[in-house]
């Protein structure tokens, strides 16, 4: 009976040793997976940071281009107004010259 108890104790010890070995293997595997996941997370965060920076640069460029477009539109409006003014002045000068020419014609005819 003592031999049976001793054999049962050895079996229990072997079973416990097997469970501990499996637990160590599981911990080793989990640590490896955790390290890989940490690396993937870091890479994803770096990529996100890079994409965020690129987005911010794009937004800054878009804002600058919008400002430049607004300035150009304002300049086009001023130039268009100036052109309209010059056309009006040209029309007035033409009218005055025509009047002067008509007066010269009247003087020449008399």
C-alpha atoms as a PDB file:
ATOM      1  CA  UNK A   1       0.000   0.000   0.000  1.00  0.00           C
ATOM      2  CA  UNK A   2       2.891   2.248   0.757  1.00  0.00           C
ATOM      3  CA  UNK A   3       4.251   1.638  -2.728  1.00  0.00           C
ATOM      4  CA  UNK A   4       0.884   2.526  -4.216  1.00  0.00           C
ATOM      5  CA  UNK A   5       0.757   5.741  -2.203  1.00  0.00           C
ATOM      6  CA  UNK A   6       4.311   6.557  -3.234  1.00  0.00           C
ATOM      7  CA  UNK A   7       3.494   5.842  -6.887  1.00  0.00           C
ATOM      8  CA  UNK A   8       0.372   7.990  -6.625  1.00  0.00           C
ATOM      9  CA  UNK A   9       2.471  10.785  -5.111  1.00  0.00           C
ATOM     10  CA  UNK A  10       4.968  10.497  -7.969  1.00  0.00           C
ATOM     11  CA  UNK A  11       2.115  10.576 -10.497  1.00  0.00           C
ATOM     12  CA  UNK A  12       0.700  13.679  -8.779  1.00  0.00           C
ATOM     13  CA  UNK A  13       4.147  15.269  -8.796  1.00  0.00           C
ATOM     14  CA  UNK A  14       4.619  14.403 -12.475  1.00  0.00           C
ATOM     15  CA  UNK A  15       1.167  15.791 -13.245  1.00  0.00           C
ATOM     16  CA  UNK A  16       1.983  18.998 -11.317  1.00  0.00           C
ATOM     17  CA  UNK A  17       5.340  19.260 -13.128  1.00  0.00           C
ATOM     18  CA  UNK A  18       3.538  18.857 -16.466  1.00  0.00           C
ATOM     19  CA  UNK A  19       1.023  21.567 -15.543  1.00  0.00           C
ATOM     20  CA  UNK A  20       3.826  23.921 -14.470  1.00  0.00           C
ATOM     21  CA  UNK A  21       5.701  23.268 -17.730  1.00  0.00           C
ATOM     22  CA  UNK A  22       2.543  24.046 -19.720  1.00  0.00           C
ATOM     23  CA  UNK A  23       1.981  27.219 -17.677  1.00  0.00           C
ATOM     24  CA  UNK A  24       5.582  28.343 -18.313  1.00  0.00           C
ATOM     25  CA  UNK A  25       5.146  27.661 -22.036  1.00  0.00           C
ATOM     26  CA  UNK A  26       1.863  29.597 -22.036  1.00  0.00           C
ATOM     27  CA  UNK A  27       3.490  32.530 -20.209  1.00  0.00           C
ATOM     28  CA  UNK A  28       6.428  32.497 -22.634  1.00  0.00           C
ATOM     29  CA  UNK A  29       4.041  32.448 -25.599  1.00  0.00           C
ATOM     30  CA  UNK A  30       1.899  35.223 -24.117  1.00  0.00           C
ATOM     31  CA  UNK A  31       4.948  37.393 -23.427  1.00  0.00           C
ATOM     32  CA  UNK A  32       6.142  36.916 -27.003  1.00  0.00           C
ATOM     33  CA  UNK A  33       2.698  37.765 -28.368  1.00  0.00           C
ATOM     34  CA  UNK A  34       2.509  40.767 -26.037  1.00  0.00           C
ATOM     35  CA  UNK A  35       5.870  42.018 -27.290  1.00  0.00           C
ATOM     36  CA  UNK A  36       4.751  41.603 -30.908  1.00  0.00           C
ATOM     37  CA  UNK A  37       1.507  43.429 -30.175  1.00  0.00           C
ATOM     38  CA  UNK A  38       3.425  46.237 -28.457  1.00  0.00           C
ATOM     39  CA  UNK A  39       5.634  46.583 -31.537  1.00  0.00           C
ATOM     40  CA  UNK A  40       2.605  46.612 -33.827  1.00  0.00           C
ATOM     41  CA  UNK A  41       0.918  49.179 -31.597  1.00  0.00           C
ATOM     42  CA  UNK A  42       4.011  51.399 -31.664  1.00  0.00           C
ATOM     43  CA  UNK A  43       4.211  51.095 -35.460  1.00  0.00           C
ATOM     44  CA  UNK A  44       0.492  51.938 -35.761  1.00  0.00           C
ATOM     45  CA  UNK A  45       0.893  54.941 -33.448  1.00  0.00           C
ATOM     46  CA  UNK A  46       3.918  56.141 -35.441  1.00  0.00           C
ATOM     47  CA  UNK A  47       1.928  55.773 -38.660  1.00  0.00           C
ATOM     48  CA  UNK A  48      -0.994  57.631 -37.109  1.00  0.00           C
ATOM     49  CA  UNK A  49       1.323  60.411 -35.955  1.00  0.00           C
ATOM     50  CA  UNK A  50       2.819  60.658 -39.439  1.00  0.00           C
ATOM     51  CA  UNK A  51      -0.612  60.706 -41.071  1.00  0.00           C
ATOM     52  CA  UNK A  52      -1.781  63.325 -38.593  1.00  0.00           C
ATOM     53  CA  UNK A  53       1.246  65.474 -39.413  1.00  0.00           C
ATOM     54  CA  UNK A  54       0.602  65.097 -43.127  1.00  0.00           C
ATOM     55  CA  UNK A  55      -3.045  66.016 -42.578  1.00  0.00           C
ATOM     56  CA  UNK A  56      -2.055  69.090 -40.589  1.00  0.00           C
ATOM     57  CA  UNK A  57       0.353  70.140 -43.346  1.00  0.00           C
ATOM     58  CA  UNK A  58      -2.383  69.610 -45.923  1.00  0.00           C
ATOM     59  CA  UNK A  59      -4.814  71.694 -43.913  1.00  0.00           C
ATOM     60  CA  UNK A  60      -2.203  74.442 -43.514  1.00  0.00           C
ATOM     61  CA  UNK A  61      -1.584  74.424 -47.272  1.00  0.00           C
ATOM     62  CA  UNK A  62      -5.315  74.494 -47.955  1.00  0.00           C
ATOM     63  CA  UNK A  63      -5.728  77.460 -45.608  1.00  0.00           C
ATOM     64  CA  UNK A  64      -2.834  79.287 -47.258  1.00  0.00           C
ATOM     65  CA  UNK A  65      -4.244  78.574 -50.710  1.00  0.00           C
ATOM     66  CA  UNK A  66      -7.694  79.761 -49.607  1.00  0.00           C
ATOM     67  CA  UNK A  67      -6.160  82.990 -48.304  1.00  0.00           C
ATOM     68  CA  UNK A  68      -4.204  83.437 -51.534  1.00  0.00           C
ATOM     69  CA  UNK A  69      -7.336  82.757 -53.591  1.00  0.00           C
ATOM     70  CA  UNK A  70      -9.268  85.347 -51.601  1.00  0.00           C
ATOM     71  CA  UNK A  71      -6.485  87.883 -52.125  1.00  0.00           C
ATOM     72  CA  UNK A  72      -6.420  87.157 -55.860  1.00  0.00           C
ATOM     73  CA  UNK A  73     -10.197  87.489 -56.090  1.00  0.00           C
ATOM     74  CA  UNK A  74      -9.971  90.835 -54.342  1.00  0.00           C
ATOM     75  CA  UNK A  75      -7.221  91.941 -56.706  1.00  0.00           C
ATOM     76  CA  UNK A  76      -9.246  90.811 -59.741  1.00  0.00           C
ATOM     77  CA  UNK A  77     -12.230  92.797 -58.446  1.00  0.00           C
ATOM     78  CA  UNK A  78     -10.081  95.924 -57.952  1.00  0.00           C
ATOM     79  CA  UNK A  79      -8.562  95.552 -61.414  1.00  0.00           C
ATOM     80  CA  UNK A  80     -11.975  94.963 -62.941  1.00  0.00           C
ATOM     81  CA  UNK A  81     -13.310  98.094 -61.236  1.00  0.00           C
ATOM     82  CA  UNK A  82     -10.256 100.033 -62.398  1.00  0.00           C
ATOM     83  CA  UNK A  83     -10.764  98.782 -65.961  1.00  0.00           C
ATOM     84  CA  UNK A  84     -14.420  99.861 -65.855  1.00  0.00           C
ATOM     85  CA  UNK A  85     -13.329 103.302 -64.613  1.00  0.00           C
ATOM     86  CA  UNK A  86     -10.754 103.595 -67.396  1.00  0.00           C
ATOM     87  CA  UNK A  87     -13.328 102.609 -70.002  1.00  0.00           C
ATOM     88  CA  UNK A  88     -15.683 105.248 -68.643  1.00  0.00           C
ATOM     89  CA  UNK A  89     -12.909 107.863 -68.790  1.00  0.00           C
ATOM     90  CA  UNK A  90     -12.034 106.807 -72.336  1.00  0.00           C
ATOM     91  CA  UNK A  91     -15.667 107.211 -73.341  1.00  0.00           C
ATOM     92  CA  UNK A  92     -15.732 110.699 -71.800  1.00  0.00           C
ATOM     93  CA  UNK A  93     -12.490 111.650 -73.600  1.00  0.00           C
ATOM     94  CA  UNK A  94     -13.872 110.329 -76.877  1.00  0.00           C
ATOM     95  CA  UNK A  95     -17.064 112.317 -76.398  1.00  0.00           C
ATOM     96  CA  UNK A  96     -15.093 115.501 -75.648  1.00  0.00           C
ATOM     97  CA  UNK A  97     -12.823 114.972 -78.648  1.00  0.00           C
ATOM     98  CA  UNK A  98     -15.830 114.425 -80.889  1.00  0.00           C
ATOM     99  CA  UNK A  99     -17.356 117.670 -79.588  1.00  0.00           C
ATOM    100  CA  UNK A 100     -14.078 119.513 -80.199  1.00  0.00           C
ATOM    101  CA  UNK A 101     -13.804 118.069 -83.694  1.00  0.00           C
ATOM    102  CA  UNK A 102     -17.387 119.094 -84.403  1.00  0.00           C
ATOM    103  CA  UNK A 103     -16.624 122.625 -83.215  1.00  0.00           C
ATOM    104  CA  UNK A 104     -13.503 122.677 -85.446  1.00  0.00           C
ATOM    105  CA  UNK A 105     -15.610 121.505 -88.371  1.00  0.00           C
ATOM    106  CA  UNK A 106     -18.126 124.277 -87.678  1.00  0.00           C
ATOM    107  CA  UNK A 107     -15.305 126.831 -87.509  1.00  0.00           C
ATOM    108  CA  UNK A 108     -13.781 125.492 -90.713  1.00  0.00           C
ATOM    109  CA  UNK A 109     -17.114 125.592 -92.500  1.00  0.00           C
ATOM    110  CA  UNK A 110     -17.760 129.210 -91.602  1.00  0.00           C
END
